[in-house]
N, C-alpha and C. Protein backbone atom coordinates (compact mmCIF):
# COMPACT_ATOMS: atom_id res chain seq x y z
N MET A 1 60.90 -11.29 39.46
CA MET A 1 60.73 -11.90 38.15
C MET A 1 60.16 -13.30 38.31
N ALA A 2 59.25 -13.68 37.44
CA ALA A 2 58.60 -14.97 37.55
C ALA A 2 59.58 -16.10 37.25
N THR A 3 59.34 -17.28 37.86
CA THR A 3 60.12 -18.47 37.57
C THR A 3 59.96 -18.82 36.10
N LYS A 4 61.00 -19.39 35.50
CA LYS A 4 60.96 -19.73 34.08
C LYS A 4 59.77 -20.63 33.77
N LEU A 5 59.10 -20.31 32.67
CA LEU A 5 57.90 -21.04 32.29
C LEU A 5 58.22 -22.19 31.35
N THR A 6 57.36 -23.21 31.39
CA THR A 6 57.48 -24.29 30.42
C THR A 6 56.97 -23.79 29.07
N LYS A 7 57.22 -24.55 28.02
CA LYS A 7 56.79 -24.15 26.68
C LYS A 7 55.27 -23.99 26.62
N LYS A 8 54.54 -24.92 27.21
CA LYS A 8 53.07 -24.84 27.19
C LYS A 8 52.57 -23.67 28.02
N GLN A 9 53.17 -23.44 29.18
CA GLN A 9 52.76 -22.32 30.02
C GLN A 9 53.00 -20.99 29.30
N LYS A 10 54.15 -20.89 28.63
CA LYS A 10 54.46 -19.67 27.88
C LYS A 10 53.45 -19.46 26.76
N SER A 11 53.07 -20.54 26.07
CA SER A 11 52.11 -20.44 24.97
C SER A 11 50.76 -19.96 25.49
N ILE A 12 50.33 -20.49 26.63
CA ILE A 12 49.04 -20.09 27.20
C ILE A 12 49.09 -18.64 27.67
N LEU A 13 50.19 -18.24 28.30
CA LEU A 13 50.31 -16.86 28.76
C LEU A 13 50.35 -15.91 27.57
N ASP A 14 51.07 -16.28 26.51
CA ASP A 14 51.10 -15.47 25.29
C ASP A 14 49.70 -15.30 24.71
N PHE A 15 48.94 -16.40 24.72
CA PHE A 15 47.57 -16.36 24.18
C PHE A 15 46.69 -15.43 25.01
N ILE A 16 46.80 -15.51 26.33
CA ILE A 16 46.01 -14.65 27.20
C ILE A 16 46.35 -13.18 26.95
N GLU A 17 47.65 -12.88 26.83
CA GLU A 17 48.08 -11.51 26.56
C GLU A 17 47.56 -11.00 25.22
N LYS A 18 47.75 -11.80 24.18
CA LYS A 18 47.35 -11.39 22.83
C LYS A 18 45.84 -11.24 22.73
N PHE A 19 45.11 -12.21 23.29
CA PHE A 19 43.65 -12.16 23.28
C PHE A 19 43.16 -10.92 24.02
N SER A 20 43.75 -10.64 25.18
CA SER A 20 43.36 -9.49 25.98
C SER A 20 43.61 -8.19 25.24
N TYR A 21 44.75 -8.12 24.56
CA TYR A 21 45.13 -6.91 23.83
C TYR A 21 44.19 -6.66 22.65
N GLU A 22 43.84 -7.73 21.93
CA GLU A 22 43.03 -7.58 20.72
C GLU A 22 41.54 -7.43 21.00
N ASN A 23 41.07 -7.98 22.13
CA ASN A 23 39.64 -7.98 22.41
C ASN A 23 39.24 -7.06 23.57
N SER A 24 40.23 -6.51 24.25
CA SER A 24 40.00 -5.61 25.39
C SER A 24 39.52 -6.35 26.64
N PHE A 25 39.53 -7.68 26.61
CA PHE A 25 39.21 -8.46 27.80
C PHE A 25 39.86 -9.82 27.65
N PRO A 26 40.17 -10.47 28.77
CA PRO A 26 40.85 -11.76 28.73
C PRO A 26 39.93 -12.88 28.25
N PRO A 27 40.50 -14.02 27.85
CA PRO A 27 39.69 -15.17 27.43
C PRO A 27 39.13 -15.92 28.63
N THR A 28 38.09 -16.70 28.40
CA THR A 28 37.56 -17.58 29.43
C THR A 28 38.36 -18.88 29.43
N LEU A 29 38.16 -19.70 30.45
CA LEU A 29 38.81 -21.01 30.49
C LEU A 29 38.42 -21.84 29.27
N LYS A 30 37.15 -21.74 28.88
CA LYS A 30 36.65 -22.50 27.74
C LYS A 30 37.35 -22.07 26.45
N GLU A 31 37.57 -20.77 26.30
CA GLU A 31 38.24 -20.27 25.09
C GLU A 31 39.71 -20.71 25.05
N ILE A 32 40.34 -20.75 26.20
CA ILE A 32 41.73 -21.24 26.26
C ILE A 32 41.77 -22.72 25.92
N ALA A 33 40.83 -23.48 26.48
CA ALA A 33 40.78 -24.92 26.22
C ALA A 33 40.56 -25.19 24.73
N HIS A 34 39.68 -24.42 24.11
CA HIS A 34 39.40 -24.59 22.68
C HIS A 34 40.63 -24.27 21.84
N ARG A 35 41.34 -23.22 22.21
CA ARG A 35 42.52 -22.81 21.45
C ARG A 35 43.61 -23.88 21.47
N PHE A 36 43.81 -24.52 22.61
CA PHE A 36 44.91 -25.49 22.73
C PHE A 36 44.43 -26.94 22.67
N LYS A 37 43.11 -27.13 22.44
CA LYS A 37 42.54 -28.47 22.32
C LYS A 37 42.86 -29.33 23.55
N ILE A 38 42.62 -28.74 24.72
CA ILE A 38 42.81 -29.44 25.98
C ILE A 38 41.56 -29.27 26.83
N THR A 39 41.47 -30.01 27.91
CA THR A 39 40.29 -29.93 28.77
C THR A 39 40.36 -28.69 29.66
N ILE A 40 39.21 -28.27 30.16
CA ILE A 40 39.17 -27.13 31.07
C ILE A 40 39.96 -27.44 32.34
N GLY A 41 39.92 -28.70 32.77
CA GLY A 41 40.69 -29.10 33.94
C GLY A 41 42.18 -28.91 33.73
N THR A 42 42.66 -29.24 32.53
CA THR A 42 44.07 -29.05 32.22
C THR A 42 44.42 -27.57 32.18
N VAL A 43 43.49 -26.76 31.64
CA VAL A 43 43.70 -25.31 31.62
C VAL A 43 43.83 -24.79 33.05
N GLN A 44 42.97 -25.26 33.93
CA GLN A 44 43.02 -24.82 35.32
C GLN A 44 44.36 -25.17 35.96
N ASP A 45 44.91 -26.33 35.60
CA ASP A 45 46.22 -26.72 36.13
C ASP A 45 47.31 -25.76 35.65
N HIS A 46 47.26 -25.40 34.36
CA HIS A 46 48.25 -24.47 33.82
C HIS A 46 48.10 -23.08 34.43
N ILE A 47 46.85 -22.65 34.62
CA ILE A 47 46.60 -21.34 35.22
C ILE A 47 47.15 -21.31 36.65
N ALA A 48 46.93 -22.39 37.39
CA ALA A 48 47.43 -22.48 38.76
C ALA A 48 48.96 -22.40 38.78
N ALA A 49 49.60 -23.06 37.80
CA ALA A 49 51.06 -23.04 37.72
C ALA A 49 51.57 -21.64 37.39
N LEU A 50 50.87 -20.95 36.48
CA LEU A 50 51.25 -19.58 36.12
C LEU A 50 51.09 -18.63 37.31
N GLN A 51 50.05 -18.86 38.09
CA GLN A 51 49.86 -18.06 39.30
C GLN A 51 51.00 -18.31 40.29
N LYS A 52 51.33 -19.58 40.48
CA LYS A 52 52.37 -19.95 41.44
C LYS A 52 53.72 -19.36 41.04
N LYS A 53 53.96 -19.26 39.73
CA LYS A 53 55.23 -18.72 39.23
C LYS A 53 55.22 -17.20 39.13
N GLY A 54 54.10 -16.59 39.51
CA GLY A 54 54.04 -15.13 39.54
C GLY A 54 53.83 -14.46 38.20
N ALA A 55 53.39 -15.22 37.19
CA ALA A 55 53.20 -14.65 35.85
C ALA A 55 51.77 -14.21 35.60
N LEU A 56 50.84 -14.69 36.43
CA LEU A 56 49.42 -14.42 36.20
C LEU A 56 48.69 -14.29 37.52
N GLU A 57 47.73 -13.37 37.55
CA GLU A 57 46.85 -13.23 38.71
C GLU A 57 45.46 -13.67 38.29
N ARG A 58 44.75 -14.33 39.17
CA ARG A 58 43.39 -14.79 38.88
C ARG A 58 42.44 -14.21 39.91
N ILE A 59 41.38 -13.56 39.43
CA ILE A 59 40.37 -12.99 40.31
C ILE A 59 39.24 -14.00 40.43
N LYS A 60 38.94 -14.42 41.63
CA LYS A 60 37.95 -15.46 41.86
C LYS A 60 36.55 -15.04 41.42
N ASP A 61 35.78 -16.02 40.95
CA ASP A 61 34.36 -15.87 40.63
C ASP A 61 34.10 -14.91 39.48
N ILE A 62 35.11 -14.65 38.65
CA ILE A 62 34.93 -13.81 37.46
C ILE A 62 35.38 -14.62 36.25
N ALA A 63 34.49 -14.76 35.26
CA ALA A 63 34.77 -15.62 34.11
C ALA A 63 36.03 -15.21 33.37
N ARG A 64 36.28 -13.92 33.25
CA ARG A 64 37.45 -13.43 32.52
C ARG A 64 38.41 -12.73 33.47
N GLY A 65 38.51 -13.25 34.67
CA GLY A 65 39.31 -12.59 35.70
C GLY A 65 40.78 -12.92 35.68
N PHE A 66 41.44 -12.67 34.55
CA PHE A 66 42.88 -12.89 34.45
C PHE A 66 43.60 -11.55 34.37
N LYS A 67 44.72 -11.44 35.04
CA LYS A 67 45.56 -10.25 34.95
C LYS A 67 47.01 -10.70 34.79
N VAL A 68 47.61 -10.38 33.65
CA VAL A 68 49.00 -10.73 33.40
C VAL A 68 49.89 -9.84 34.25
N VAL A 69 50.82 -10.43 34.95
CA VAL A 69 51.74 -9.68 35.81
C VAL A 69 52.90 -9.17 34.97
N PRO A 70 53.15 -7.84 34.95
CA PRO A 70 54.27 -7.29 34.18
C PRO A 70 55.59 -7.94 34.57
N GLN A 71 56.41 -8.25 33.57
CA GLN A 71 57.69 -8.90 33.80
C GLN A 71 58.82 -7.99 33.33
N ASN A 72 60.05 -8.35 33.71
CA ASN A 72 61.22 -7.62 33.24
C ASN A 72 61.45 -7.90 31.76
N GLU A 73 62.28 -7.10 31.11
CA GLU A 73 62.50 -7.22 29.68
C GLU A 73 63.08 -8.57 29.28
N ASP A 74 63.81 -9.24 30.20
CA ASP A 74 64.42 -10.50 29.83
C ASP A 74 63.52 -11.69 30.12
N SER A 75 62.25 -11.45 30.47
CA SER A 75 61.33 -12.55 30.73
C SER A 75 60.83 -13.12 29.41
N ASN A 76 60.21 -14.29 29.49
CA ASN A 76 59.76 -14.96 28.28
C ASN A 76 58.24 -15.01 28.21
N THR A 77 57.61 -13.89 28.52
CA THR A 77 56.15 -13.89 28.60
C THR A 77 55.46 -13.49 27.31
N GLY A 78 56.18 -13.32 26.21
CA GLY A 78 55.49 -13.07 24.95
C GLY A 78 55.87 -11.76 24.29
N LYS A 79 55.26 -11.50 23.12
CA LYS A 79 55.61 -10.35 22.30
C LYS A 79 55.01 -9.05 22.81
N ILE A 80 53.85 -9.12 23.46
CA ILE A 80 53.18 -7.91 23.94
C ILE A 80 53.73 -7.54 25.31
N ASP A 81 54.23 -6.34 25.45
CA ASP A 81 54.81 -5.88 26.71
C ASP A 81 53.70 -5.40 27.63
N PRO A 82 53.40 -6.13 28.71
CA PRO A 82 52.30 -5.74 29.59
C PRO A 82 52.56 -4.46 30.35
N THR A 83 53.81 -3.97 30.35
CA THR A 83 54.08 -2.71 31.03
C THR A 83 53.54 -1.53 30.22
N LYS A 84 53.15 -1.77 28.98
CA LYS A 84 52.64 -0.70 28.13
C LYS A 84 51.13 -0.52 28.29
N TYR A 85 50.48 -1.45 28.97
CA TYR A 85 49.05 -1.30 29.19
C TYR A 85 48.68 -1.87 30.55
N GLU A 86 47.51 -1.51 31.01
CA GLU A 86 47.04 -1.97 32.30
C GLU A 86 45.69 -2.66 32.14
N MET A 87 45.35 -3.50 33.09
CA MET A 87 44.04 -4.13 33.10
C MET A 87 43.17 -3.34 34.08
N ILE A 88 42.07 -2.80 33.57
CA ILE A 88 41.19 -2.00 34.42
C ILE A 88 39.86 -2.73 34.60
N PRO A 89 39.19 -2.54 35.74
CA PRO A 89 37.95 -3.26 36.01
C PRO A 89 36.81 -2.82 35.10
N LEU A 90 36.02 -3.80 34.68
CA LEU A 90 34.81 -3.54 33.89
C LEU A 90 33.61 -3.72 34.81
N TYR A 91 32.86 -2.64 35.00
CA TYR A 91 31.68 -2.69 35.86
C TYR A 91 30.42 -2.81 35.00
N GLY A 92 29.44 -3.53 35.52
CA GLY A 92 28.19 -3.70 34.80
C GLY A 92 27.13 -2.76 35.32
N SER A 93 25.88 -3.09 35.04
CA SER A 93 24.76 -2.27 35.51
C SER A 93 24.72 -2.30 37.03
N VAL A 94 24.37 -1.18 37.61
CA VAL A 94 24.36 -1.06 39.07
C VAL A 94 22.94 -1.08 39.59
N ALA A 95 22.66 -1.97 40.51
CA ALA A 95 21.33 -2.05 41.11
C ALA A 95 21.15 -0.88 42.08
N ALA A 96 19.89 -0.51 42.31
CA ALA A 96 19.59 0.61 43.21
C ALA A 96 20.19 0.36 44.58
N GLY A 97 20.90 1.35 45.08
CA GLY A 97 21.49 1.25 46.41
C GLY A 97 22.83 0.55 46.45
N GLU A 98 23.30 0.03 45.31
CA GLU A 98 24.56 -0.70 45.29
C GLU A 98 25.68 0.21 44.79
N PRO A 99 26.79 0.31 45.50
CA PRO A 99 27.89 1.18 45.07
C PRO A 99 28.44 0.73 43.72
N ILE A 100 28.69 1.68 42.83
CA ILE A 100 29.17 1.34 41.49
C ILE A 100 30.51 0.61 41.53
N PHE A 101 31.38 0.98 42.47
CA PHE A 101 32.71 0.39 42.51
C PHE A 101 32.81 -0.80 43.45
N ALA A 102 31.69 -1.41 43.78
CA ALA A 102 31.71 -2.60 44.63
C ALA A 102 32.37 -3.75 43.87
N ASP A 103 33.17 -4.55 44.57
CA ASP A 103 33.85 -5.68 43.94
C ASP A 103 32.85 -6.64 43.30
N ASP A 104 31.68 -6.78 43.91
CA ASP A 104 30.67 -7.69 43.38
C ASP A 104 30.13 -7.24 42.03
N ASN A 105 30.37 -5.99 41.67
CA ASN A 105 29.85 -5.45 40.42
C ASN A 105 30.87 -5.56 39.28
N ILE A 106 32.06 -6.09 39.56
CA ILE A 106 33.07 -6.26 38.52
C ILE A 106 32.72 -7.46 37.65
N GLN A 107 32.60 -7.22 36.33
CA GLN A 107 32.26 -8.29 35.39
C GLN A 107 33.49 -8.88 34.72
N GLY A 108 34.60 -8.21 34.84
CA GLY A 108 35.83 -8.67 34.21
C GLY A 108 36.83 -7.53 34.15
N TYR A 109 37.82 -7.67 33.28
CA TYR A 109 38.84 -6.64 33.12
C TYR A 109 39.08 -6.39 31.64
N VAL A 110 39.40 -5.15 31.29
CA VAL A 110 39.71 -4.80 29.91
C VAL A 110 41.07 -4.11 29.87
N THR A 111 41.70 -4.13 28.71
CA THR A 111 43.00 -3.50 28.57
C THR A 111 42.87 -2.01 28.34
N HIS A 112 43.82 -1.28 28.88
CA HIS A 112 43.89 0.16 28.65
C HIS A 112 45.34 0.54 28.44
N ILE A 113 45.63 1.16 27.31
CA ILE A 113 47.00 1.55 26.99
C ILE A 113 47.47 2.64 27.95
N ARG A 114 48.61 2.42 28.54
CA ARG A 114 49.17 3.42 29.44
C ARG A 114 49.65 4.62 28.61
N GLY A 115 49.31 5.82 29.05
CA GLY A 115 49.72 7.02 28.33
C GLY A 115 50.21 8.07 29.30
N LYS A 116 50.07 9.32 28.88
CA LYS A 116 50.52 10.43 29.72
C LYS A 116 49.70 10.53 30.99
N SER A 117 48.47 9.99 30.94
CA SER A 117 47.60 10.07 32.12
C SER A 117 47.63 8.77 32.92
N SER A 118 48.76 8.05 32.85
CA SER A 118 48.85 6.75 33.51
C SER A 118 48.72 6.87 35.03
N HIS A 119 48.95 8.08 35.57
CA HIS A 119 48.81 8.27 37.01
C HIS A 119 47.35 8.43 37.42
N LYS A 120 46.47 8.58 36.43
CA LYS A 120 45.05 8.73 36.71
C LYS A 120 44.41 7.35 36.92
N ILE A 121 43.24 7.35 37.56
CA ILE A 121 42.50 6.11 37.77
C ILE A 121 41.49 5.95 36.63
N HIS A 122 41.48 4.77 36.01
CA HIS A 122 40.56 4.49 34.92
C HIS A 122 39.71 3.27 35.26
N PHE A 123 38.53 3.22 34.67
CA PHE A 123 37.68 2.04 34.79
C PHE A 123 36.82 1.95 33.53
N ALA A 124 36.13 0.84 33.37
CA ALA A 124 35.28 0.64 32.20
C ALA A 124 33.86 0.33 32.65
N LEU A 125 32.90 0.75 31.82
CA LEU A 125 31.49 0.50 32.10
C LEU A 125 30.81 -0.06 30.86
N LYS A 126 29.92 -1.01 31.06
CA LYS A 126 29.13 -1.54 29.95
C LYS A 126 27.85 -0.72 29.84
N VAL A 127 27.61 -0.17 28.66
CA VAL A 127 26.47 0.71 28.45
C VAL A 127 25.18 -0.09 28.35
N LYS A 128 24.14 0.43 28.97
CA LYS A 128 22.82 -0.19 28.90
C LYS A 128 21.81 0.87 28.49
N GLY A 129 21.14 0.66 27.36
CA GLY A 129 20.15 1.61 26.91
C GLY A 129 20.54 2.30 25.60
N GLN A 130 19.61 3.13 25.08
CA GLN A 130 19.77 3.75 23.77
C GLN A 130 19.80 5.28 23.82
N SER A 131 19.99 5.85 25.00
CA SER A 131 19.86 7.30 25.12
C SER A 131 21.01 8.09 24.50
N MET A 132 22.10 7.41 24.09
CA MET A 132 23.26 8.13 23.54
C MET A 132 23.61 7.69 22.11
N ILE A 133 22.64 7.12 21.39
CA ILE A 133 22.96 6.56 20.07
C ILE A 133 23.37 7.63 19.05
N ASP A 134 22.88 8.86 19.20
CA ASP A 134 23.25 9.91 18.25
C ASP A 134 24.69 10.37 18.46
N SER A 135 25.28 9.97 19.57
CA SER A 135 26.71 10.23 19.82
C SER A 135 27.54 8.99 19.50
N GLY A 136 26.88 7.98 18.91
CA GLY A 136 27.59 6.77 18.51
C GLY A 136 27.81 5.78 19.63
N ILE A 137 27.07 5.92 20.73
CA ILE A 137 27.21 5.01 21.87
C ILE A 137 25.95 4.15 21.94
N TYR A 138 26.12 2.83 21.80
CA TYR A 138 24.98 1.92 21.72
C TYR A 138 24.93 0.96 22.91
N ASP A 139 23.76 0.37 23.08
CA ASP A 139 23.56 -0.63 24.12
C ASP A 139 24.57 -1.76 23.95
N GLY A 140 25.27 -2.10 25.02
CA GLY A 140 26.27 -3.16 24.97
C GLY A 140 27.69 -2.68 24.74
N ASP A 141 27.85 -1.41 24.33
CA ASP A 141 29.19 -0.86 24.16
C ASP A 141 29.91 -0.77 25.50
N ILE A 142 31.23 -0.72 25.43
CA ILE A 142 32.04 -0.52 26.63
C ILE A 142 32.71 0.84 26.53
N VAL A 143 32.55 1.66 27.55
CA VAL A 143 33.21 2.96 27.58
C VAL A 143 34.35 2.93 28.59
N ILE A 144 35.48 3.50 28.19
CA ILE A 144 36.62 3.64 29.09
C ILE A 144 36.52 5.01 29.73
N VAL A 145 36.62 5.04 31.04
CA VAL A 145 36.34 6.27 31.79
C VAL A 145 37.54 6.67 32.65
N ARG A 146 37.88 7.95 32.61
CA ARG A 146 38.88 8.49 33.53
C ARG A 146 38.14 9.06 34.73
N LYS A 147 38.48 8.56 35.90
CA LYS A 147 37.78 8.97 37.11
C LYS A 147 38.12 10.42 37.45
N GLN A 148 37.08 11.26 37.54
CA GLN A 148 37.24 12.67 37.91
C GLN A 148 35.88 13.21 38.32
N ASP A 149 35.88 14.28 39.09
CA ASP A 149 34.62 14.81 39.62
C ASP A 149 34.19 16.11 38.96
N ALA A 150 34.84 16.48 37.85
CA ALA A 150 34.46 17.69 37.12
C ALA A 150 34.74 17.46 35.64
N ALA A 151 34.03 18.22 34.78
CA ALA A 151 34.21 18.09 33.34
C ALA A 151 33.78 19.39 32.67
N ASP A 152 34.09 19.52 31.39
CA ASP A 152 33.74 20.72 30.64
C ASP A 152 32.44 20.54 29.86
N ASP A 153 31.86 21.64 29.47
CA ASP A 153 30.65 21.62 28.67
C ASP A 153 30.89 20.83 27.38
N GLY A 154 30.00 19.88 27.10
CA GLY A 154 30.14 19.07 25.89
C GLY A 154 30.84 17.75 26.11
N ASP A 155 31.45 17.55 27.27
CA ASP A 155 32.10 16.27 27.57
C ASP A 155 31.04 15.20 27.82
N ILE A 156 31.32 13.99 27.37
CA ILE A 156 30.46 12.85 27.71
C ILE A 156 30.95 12.30 29.04
N VAL A 157 30.05 12.22 30.00
CA VAL A 157 30.44 11.88 31.36
C VAL A 157 29.63 10.71 31.91
N ILE A 158 30.15 10.14 32.98
CA ILE A 158 29.42 9.19 33.79
C ILE A 158 28.97 9.95 35.03
N ALA A 159 27.67 9.97 35.26
CA ALA A 159 27.14 10.74 36.38
C ALA A 159 26.28 9.86 37.29
N MET A 160 26.26 10.22 38.54
CA MET A 160 25.46 9.51 39.53
C MET A 160 24.27 10.38 39.92
N LEU A 161 23.06 9.82 39.75
CA LEU A 161 21.84 10.49 40.18
C LEU A 161 21.19 9.60 41.23
N GLU A 162 21.26 10.03 42.47
CA GLU A 162 20.79 9.21 43.58
C GLU A 162 21.48 7.85 43.50
N ASP A 163 20.74 6.79 43.18
CA ASP A 163 21.35 5.45 43.11
C ASP A 163 21.55 4.98 41.68
N GLU A 164 21.38 5.86 40.71
CA GLU A 164 21.47 5.48 39.30
C GLU A 164 22.71 6.06 38.65
N VAL A 165 23.38 5.24 37.84
CA VAL A 165 24.54 5.70 37.07
C VAL A 165 24.11 5.86 35.62
N THR A 166 24.49 6.97 34.99
CA THR A 166 24.07 7.21 33.61
C THR A 166 25.21 7.79 32.79
N VAL A 167 25.15 7.55 31.47
CA VAL A 167 26.09 8.13 30.52
C VAL A 167 25.36 9.23 29.76
N LYS A 168 25.85 10.45 29.84
CA LYS A 168 25.20 11.58 29.19
C LYS A 168 26.24 12.64 28.81
N THR A 169 25.80 13.61 28.02
CA THR A 169 26.64 14.76 27.68
C THR A 169 26.40 15.86 28.70
N LEU A 170 27.47 16.39 29.27
CA LEU A 170 27.35 17.46 30.26
C LEU A 170 27.13 18.79 29.55
N ARG A 171 26.11 19.52 30.00
CA ARG A 171 25.85 20.86 29.49
C ARG A 171 25.87 21.85 30.64
N ASN A 172 26.68 22.88 30.49
CA ASN A 172 26.76 23.93 31.50
C ASN A 172 26.13 25.20 30.94
N SER A 173 24.91 25.48 31.34
CA SER A 173 24.23 26.69 30.89
C SER A 173 24.51 27.82 31.89
N LYS A 174 24.04 29.01 31.57
CA LYS A 174 24.24 30.14 32.47
C LYS A 174 23.43 29.97 33.76
N ILE A 175 22.36 29.17 33.65
CA ILE A 175 21.49 28.98 34.81
C ILE A 175 21.95 27.80 35.67
N ASN A 176 22.16 26.66 35.03
CA ASN A 176 22.59 25.48 35.77
C ASN A 176 23.23 24.46 34.83
N ALA A 177 23.72 23.40 35.43
CA ALA A 177 24.30 22.30 34.65
C ALA A 177 23.27 21.20 34.55
N TYR A 178 23.24 20.53 33.39
CA TYR A 178 22.30 19.43 33.22
C TYR A 178 22.92 18.36 32.33
N LEU A 179 22.24 17.22 32.25
CA LEU A 179 22.74 16.08 31.48
C LEU A 179 21.87 15.89 30.24
N GLU A 180 22.51 15.93 29.08
CA GLU A 180 21.79 15.89 27.81
C GLU A 180 21.86 14.50 27.18
N ALA A 181 20.70 13.99 26.78
CA ALA A 181 20.64 12.72 26.06
C ALA A 181 20.95 12.97 24.59
N SER A 182 21.44 11.94 23.90
CA SER A 182 21.73 12.05 22.47
C SER A 182 20.80 11.14 21.69
N ASN A 183 19.52 11.29 21.98
CA ASN A 183 18.48 10.53 21.30
C ASN A 183 17.18 11.29 21.53
N SER A 184 16.51 11.68 20.45
CA SER A 184 15.31 12.51 20.56
C SER A 184 14.18 11.82 21.32
N LYS A 185 14.28 10.50 21.47
CA LYS A 185 13.25 9.77 22.20
C LYS A 185 13.44 9.86 23.72
N TYR A 186 14.57 10.40 24.14
CA TYR A 186 14.87 10.50 25.56
C TYR A 186 14.97 11.96 25.97
N LYS A 187 14.50 12.26 27.16
CA LYS A 187 14.57 13.62 27.68
C LYS A 187 15.91 13.84 28.38
N SER A 188 16.40 15.07 28.29
CA SER A 188 17.59 15.43 29.05
C SER A 188 17.23 15.48 30.53
N ILE A 189 18.22 15.33 31.38
CA ILE A 189 17.99 15.32 32.82
C ILE A 189 18.28 16.72 33.36
N VAL A 190 17.21 17.43 33.68
CA VAL A 190 17.31 18.83 34.11
C VAL A 190 16.72 18.98 35.51
N ASN A 191 17.28 19.90 36.27
CA ASN A 191 16.78 20.21 37.62
C ASN A 191 16.80 19.01 38.56
N LYS A 192 17.78 18.16 38.37
CA LYS A 192 17.99 17.04 39.28
C LYS A 192 19.45 17.05 39.72
N PRO A 193 19.70 16.89 41.01
CA PRO A 193 21.09 16.88 41.47
C PRO A 193 21.85 15.65 40.96
N PHE A 194 23.09 15.85 40.59
CA PHE A 194 23.91 14.73 40.12
C PHE A 194 25.37 15.00 40.46
N ALA A 195 26.15 13.96 40.45
CA ALA A 195 27.59 14.08 40.70
C ALA A 195 28.34 13.40 39.57
N ILE A 196 29.33 14.08 39.03
CA ILE A 196 30.17 13.50 37.98
C ILE A 196 31.19 12.56 38.63
N ILE A 197 31.29 11.36 38.10
CA ILE A 197 32.28 10.42 38.64
C ILE A 197 33.35 10.07 37.61
N GLY A 198 33.18 10.54 36.37
CA GLY A 198 34.22 10.27 35.38
C GLY A 198 33.88 10.83 34.01
N LYS A 199 34.91 10.95 33.18
CA LYS A 199 34.77 11.42 31.80
C LYS A 199 35.08 10.27 30.85
N VAL A 200 34.20 10.07 29.86
CA VAL A 200 34.42 9.02 28.86
C VAL A 200 35.55 9.45 27.93
N ILE A 201 36.57 8.60 27.80
CA ILE A 201 37.71 8.95 26.96
C ILE A 201 37.90 7.98 25.79
N GLU A 202 37.14 6.88 25.81
CA GLU A 202 37.31 5.89 24.74
C GLU A 202 36.07 5.01 24.66
N LEU A 203 35.78 4.52 23.46
CA LEU A 203 34.64 3.63 23.24
C LEU A 203 35.13 2.32 22.64
N ARG A 204 34.62 1.21 23.17
CA ARG A 204 34.95 -0.11 22.64
C ARG A 204 33.67 -0.79 22.17
N ARG A 205 33.76 -1.51 21.05
CA ARG A 205 32.58 -2.22 20.56
C ARG A 205 33.00 -3.54 19.95
N ASN A 206 32.24 -4.58 20.27
CA ASN A 206 32.47 -5.89 19.67
C ASN A 206 31.54 -6.01 18.47
N TYR A 207 32.08 -5.84 17.26
CA TYR A 207 31.24 -5.85 16.06
C TYR A 207 30.63 -7.21 15.79
N ASN A 208 31.26 -8.27 16.33
CA ASN A 208 30.72 -9.60 16.10
C ASN A 208 29.35 -9.79 16.73
N SER A 209 29.04 -8.97 17.75
CA SER A 209 27.76 -9.12 18.44
C SER A 209 26.78 -8.03 18.05
N THR A 210 27.16 -7.19 17.09
CA THR A 210 26.28 -6.10 16.68
C THR A 210 25.29 -6.58 15.63
N VAL A 211 24.02 -6.27 15.82
CA VAL A 211 22.99 -6.67 14.88
C VAL A 211 22.99 -5.71 13.70
N ALA A 212 22.90 -6.24 12.49
CA ALA A 212 22.91 -5.40 11.29
C ALA A 212 21.68 -4.50 11.26
N ALA A 213 21.88 -3.28 10.78
CA ALA A 213 20.77 -2.33 10.72
C ALA A 213 19.84 -2.66 9.57
């Protein structure tokens, strides 16, 4: 159990938890500083203290790299129970030849509610492109993915084609399996070898950054 927190430390930890829960990703140092009207240097001091007391983990070189450490029921870490959700890595676009799950490709962390499949491995990906807009998936959206190497016909999956990662609908025909785009401007991927690395189980969107149609 973490060492007892000061009033200010508890307030900052509560804010990080609440912000993470509501936005699916933790706040930046600047956002914390703005909320409490303090300098970024002061925020860094509080973050260091929270780390030392075992209430918070910080991932280096990531702007939103905060992970709240689950506490016992009698802890004073806020209203949101972190044991009910987990922080999963958010991966960005993958360069050719670069492994998708490389630590260098982590852009931050997002919240995922723990459920019956809590024993499964989950991760998040930021969508790039317009090939799935007819399925309601747009450029900049975040998809929550359950890691698995097989899926059913009609499932939206994350697939690896050589060095490229793509989001598509899996189609299993009598002849072969292929990846179907959900936009008439894009061709489906047929007669190309691919490997399924996960099934999309949830979609996240920040409406504040969405351009009006």
